[in-house]
Amino acid sequence: MRLITLGLIFLLLLIQYPLWLGKGGWLRVGDFEAQVASAHKKTAELLARNAKLDSEVRDLKDGTGAVEERARYELSMIKQNEIFIQIVAKGQSVPRAPATPSPPAPAAAQ
């Protein structure tokens, strides 16, 4: 009787091995589910980024507001007859304006 019980326990463990550690086992399924969740998260982030870029492209194509905003903030440009005022807090260094290129010197006659 004892030998039969041990044999049945051994067979039960032998059957459980593929369920837990085999090619399609629960541990591997859990790993795949984690990978799928990670891929879904990354896809959602990329879709949000693409939507933002798409709206920016449409705004650049259709309106002048985005172009003007980029020129102001990225290139420090201002309109003609417009006054630029910058307030600097105490202890903060004053930023230098970008240097404008000087006109080329005339070539010497030889």
C-alpha atoms as a PDB file:
ATOM      1  CA  MET A   1       0.000   0.000   0.000  1.00  0.00           C
ATOM      2  CA  ARG A   2       2.821   2.367   0.887  1.00  0.00           C
ATOM      3  CA  LEU A   3       4.570   1.664  -2.421  1.00  0.00           C
ATOM      4  CA  ILE A   4       1.399   2.477  -4.379  1.00  0.00           C
ATOM      5  CA  THR A   5       0.980   5.778  -2.512  1.00  0.00           C
ATOM      6  CA  LEU A   6       4.579   6.778  -3.216  1.00  0.00           C
ATOM      7  CA  GLY A   7       4.156   5.791  -6.860  1.00  0.00           C
ATOM      8  CA  LEU A   8       0.996   7.902  -7.185  1.00  0.00           C
ATOM      9  CA  ILE A   9       2.687  10.905  -5.515  1.00  0.00           C
ATOM     10  CA  PHE A  10       5.631  10.529  -7.904  1.00  0.00           C
ATOM     11  CA  LEU A  11       3.267  10.415 -10.908  1.00  0.00           C
ATOM     12  CA  LEU A  12       1.397  13.463  -9.594  1.00  0.00           C
ATOM     13  CA  LEU A  13       4.681  15.409  -9.333  1.00  0.00           C
ATOM     14  CA  LEU A  14       5.712  14.193 -12.772  1.00  0.00           C
ATOM     15  CA  ILE A  15       2.440  15.494 -14.238  1.00  0.00           C
ATOM     16  CA  GLN A  16       2.803  18.833 -12.417  1.00  0.00           C
ATOM     17  CA  TYR A  17       6.298  19.541 -13.831  1.00  0.00           C
ATOM     18  CA  PRO A  18       5.134  20.565 -17.343  1.00  0.00           C
ATOM     19  CA  LEU A  19       2.274  22.583 -15.847  1.00  0.00           C
ATOM     20  CA  TRP A  20       4.630  24.778 -13.820  1.00  0.00           C
ATOM     21  CA  LEU A  21       8.026  24.620 -15.528  1.00  0.00           C
ATOM     22  CA  GLY A  22       7.340  23.307 -19.044  1.00  0.00           C
ATOM     23  CA  LYS A  23       7.250  25.145 -22.362  1.00  0.00           C
ATOM     24  CA  GLY A  24       3.680  26.380 -21.857  1.00  0.00           C
ATOM     25  CA  GLY A  25       3.798  26.413 -18.051  1.00  0.00           C
ATOM     26  CA  TRP A  26       2.328  28.968 -15.685  1.00  0.00           C
ATOM     27  CA  LEU A  27       5.667  30.652 -15.001  1.00  0.00           C
ATOM     28  CA  ARG A  28       6.321  31.271 -18.673  1.00  0.00           C
ATOM     29  CA  VAL A  29       2.742  32.456 -19.203  1.00  0.00           C
ATOM     30  CA  GLY A  30       3.247  34.975 -16.373  1.00  0.00           C
ATOM     31  CA  ASP A  31       6.426  36.246 -18.036  1.00  0.00           C
ATOM     32  CA  PHE A  32       4.636  36.625 -21.361  1.00  0.00           C
ATOM     33  CA  GLU A  33       1.764  38.506 -19.733  1.00  0.00           C
ATOM     34  CA  ALA A  34       4.269  40.915 -18.162  1.00  0.00           C
ATOM     35  CA  GLN A  35       5.921  41.448 -21.564  1.00  0.00           C
ATOM     36  CA  VAL A  36       2.543  42.074 -23.207  1.00  0.00           C
ATOM     37  CA  ALA A  37       1.585  44.599 -20.502  1.00  0.00           C
ATOM     38  CA  SER A  38       4.913  46.384 -21.003  1.00  0.00           C
ATOM     39  CA  ALA A  39       4.381  46.463 -24.774  1.00  0.00           C
ATOM     40  CA  HIS A  40       0.843  47.872 -24.333  1.00  0.00           C
ATOM     41  CA  LYS A  41       2.156  50.592 -22.022  1.00  0.00           C
ATOM     42  CA  LYS A  42       4.909  51.565 -24.475  1.00  0.00           C
ATOM     43  CA  THR A  43       2.411  51.543 -27.351  1.00  0.00           C
ATOM     44  CA  ALA A  44       0.072  53.859 -25.438  1.00  0.00           C
ATOM     45  CA  GLU A  45       2.961  56.253 -24.729  1.00  0.00           C
ATOM     46  CA  LEU A  46       4.000  56.240 -28.386  1.00  0.00           C
ATOM     47  CA  LEU A  47       0.401  56.824 -29.541  1.00  0.00           C
ATOM     48  CA  ALA A  48       0.139  59.835 -27.225  1.00  0.00           C
ATOM     49  CA  ARG A  49       3.471  61.154 -28.540  1.00  0.00           C
ATOM     50  CA  ASN A  50       2.362  60.646 -32.141  1.00  0.00           C
ATOM     51  CA  ALA A  51      -0.934  62.446 -31.496  1.00  0.00           C
ATOM     52  CA  LYS A  52       0.947  65.381 -29.978  1.00  0.00           C
ATOM     53  CA  LEU A  53       3.349  65.542 -32.929  1.00  0.00           C
ATOM     54  CA  ASP A  54       0.459  65.246 -35.392  1.00  0.00           C
ATOM     55  CA  SER A  55      -1.376  68.164 -33.807  1.00  0.00           C
ATOM     56  CA  GLU A  56       1.823  70.213 -33.844  1.00  0.00           C
ATOM     57  CA  VAL A  57       2.396  69.436 -37.536  1.00  0.00           C
ATOM     58  CA  ARG A  58      -1.204  70.411 -38.366  1.00  0.00           C
ATOM     59  CA  ASP A  59      -0.784  73.643 -36.406  1.00  0.00           C
ATOM     60  CA  LEU A  60       2.474  74.430 -38.228  1.00  0.00           C
ATOM     61  CA  LYS A  61       0.855  73.775 -41.613  1.00  0.00           C
ATOM     62  CA  ASP A  62      -2.376  75.684 -41.000  1.00  0.00           C
ATOM     63  CA  GLY A  63      -1.587  78.560 -38.673  1.00  0.00           C
ATOM     64  CA  THR A  64       1.167  81.035 -38.048  1.00  0.00           C
ATOM     65  CA  GLY A  65       0.779  80.962 -34.264  1.00  0.00           C
ATOM     66  CA  ALA A  66       3.000  77.922 -33.747  1.00  0.00           C
ATOM     67  CA  VAL A  67       5.693  79.260 -36.066  1.00  0.00           C
ATOM     68  CA  GLU A  68       5.678  82.577 -34.250  1.00  0.00           C
ATOM     69  CA  GLU A  69       5.812  80.861 -30.863  1.00  0.00           C
ATOM     70  CA  ARG A  70       8.785  78.723 -31.882  1.00  0.00           C
ATOM     71  CA  ALA A  71      10.593  81.763 -33.275  1.00  0.00           C
ATOM     72  CA  ARG A  72      10.050  83.631 -30.015  1.00  0.00           C
ATOM     73  CA  TYR A  73      11.054  80.906 -27.570  1.00  0.00           C
ATOM     74  CA  GLU A  74      13.654  78.913 -29.473  1.00  0.00           C
ATOM     75  CA  LEU A  75      15.282  81.641 -31.567  1.00  0.00           C
ATOM     76  CA  SER A  76      14.620  84.663 -29.311  1.00  0.00           C
ATOM     77  CA  MET A  77      13.105  86.613 -32.192  1.00  0.00           C
ATOM     78  CA  ILE A  78      10.771  89.584 -31.819  1.00  0.00           C
ATOM     79  CA  LYS A  79       8.547  91.424 -34.257  1.00  0.00           C
ATOM     80  CA  GLN A  80       9.449  94.730 -35.779  1.00  0.00           C
ATOM     81  CA  ASN A  81       8.529  97.707 -33.535  1.00  0.00           C
ATOM     82  CA  GLU A  82       8.154  95.339 -30.572  1.00  0.00           C
ATOM     83  CA  ILE A  83       9.903  95.893 -27.247  1.00  0.00           C
ATOM     84  CA  PHE A  84      11.431  92.952 -25.386  1.00  0.00           C
ATOM     85  CA  ILE A  85      11.549  93.250 -21.603  1.00  0.00           C
ATOM     86  CA  GLN A  86      13.207  90.640 -19.433  1.00  0.00           C
ATOM     87  CA  ILE A  87      12.971  90.684 -15.643  1.00  0.00           C
ATOM     88  CA  VAL A  88      15.930  89.156 -13.843  1.00  0.00           C
ATOM     89  CA  ALA A  89      15.581  88.053 -10.216  1.00  0.00           C
ATOM     90  CA  LYS A  90      18.153  89.024  -7.588  1.00  0.00           C
ATOM     91  CA  GLY A  91      21.216  86.811  -7.666  1.00  0.00           C
ATOM     92  CA  GLN A  92      20.463  85.595 -11.174  1.00  0.00           C
ATOM     93  CA  SER A  93      22.993  86.374 -13.875  1.00  0.00           C
ATOM     94  CA  VAL A  94      21.898  88.449 -16.826  1.00  0.00           C
ATOM     95  CA  PRO A  95      21.760  86.312 -19.977  1.00  0.00           C
ATOM     96  CA  ARG A  96      23.670  87.640 -22.932  1.00  0.00           C
ATOM     97  CA  ALA A  97      21.916  88.339 -26.209  1.00  0.00           C
ATOM     98  CA  PRO A  98      23.120  86.246 -29.132  1.00  0.00           C
ATOM     99  CA  ALA A  99      25.782  88.042 -31.123  1.00  0.00           C
ATOM    100  CA  THR A 100      24.725  89.259 -34.534  1.00  0.00           C
ATOM    101  CA  PRO A 101      27.217  88.545 -37.291  1.00  0.00           C
ATOM    102  CA  SER A 102      29.085  91.599 -38.516  1.00  0.00           C
ATOM    103  CA  PRO A 103      28.957  92.432 -42.215  1.00  0.00           C
ATOM    104  CA  PRO A 104      31.877  91.041 -44.219  1.00  0.00           C
ATOM    105  CA  ALA A 105      34.812  93.350 -44.781  1.00  0.00           C
ATOM    106  CA  PRO A 106      35.263  94.623 -48.359  1.00  0.00           C
ATOM    107  CA  ALA A 107      37.915  92.794 -50.315  1.00  0.00           C
ATOM    108  CA  ALA A 108      41.147  94.754 -50.848  1.00  0.00           C
ATOM    109  CA  ALA A 109      41.927  95.695 -54.430  1.00  0.00           C
ATOM    110  CA  GLN A 110      45.132  94.234 -55.762  1.00  0.00           C
END
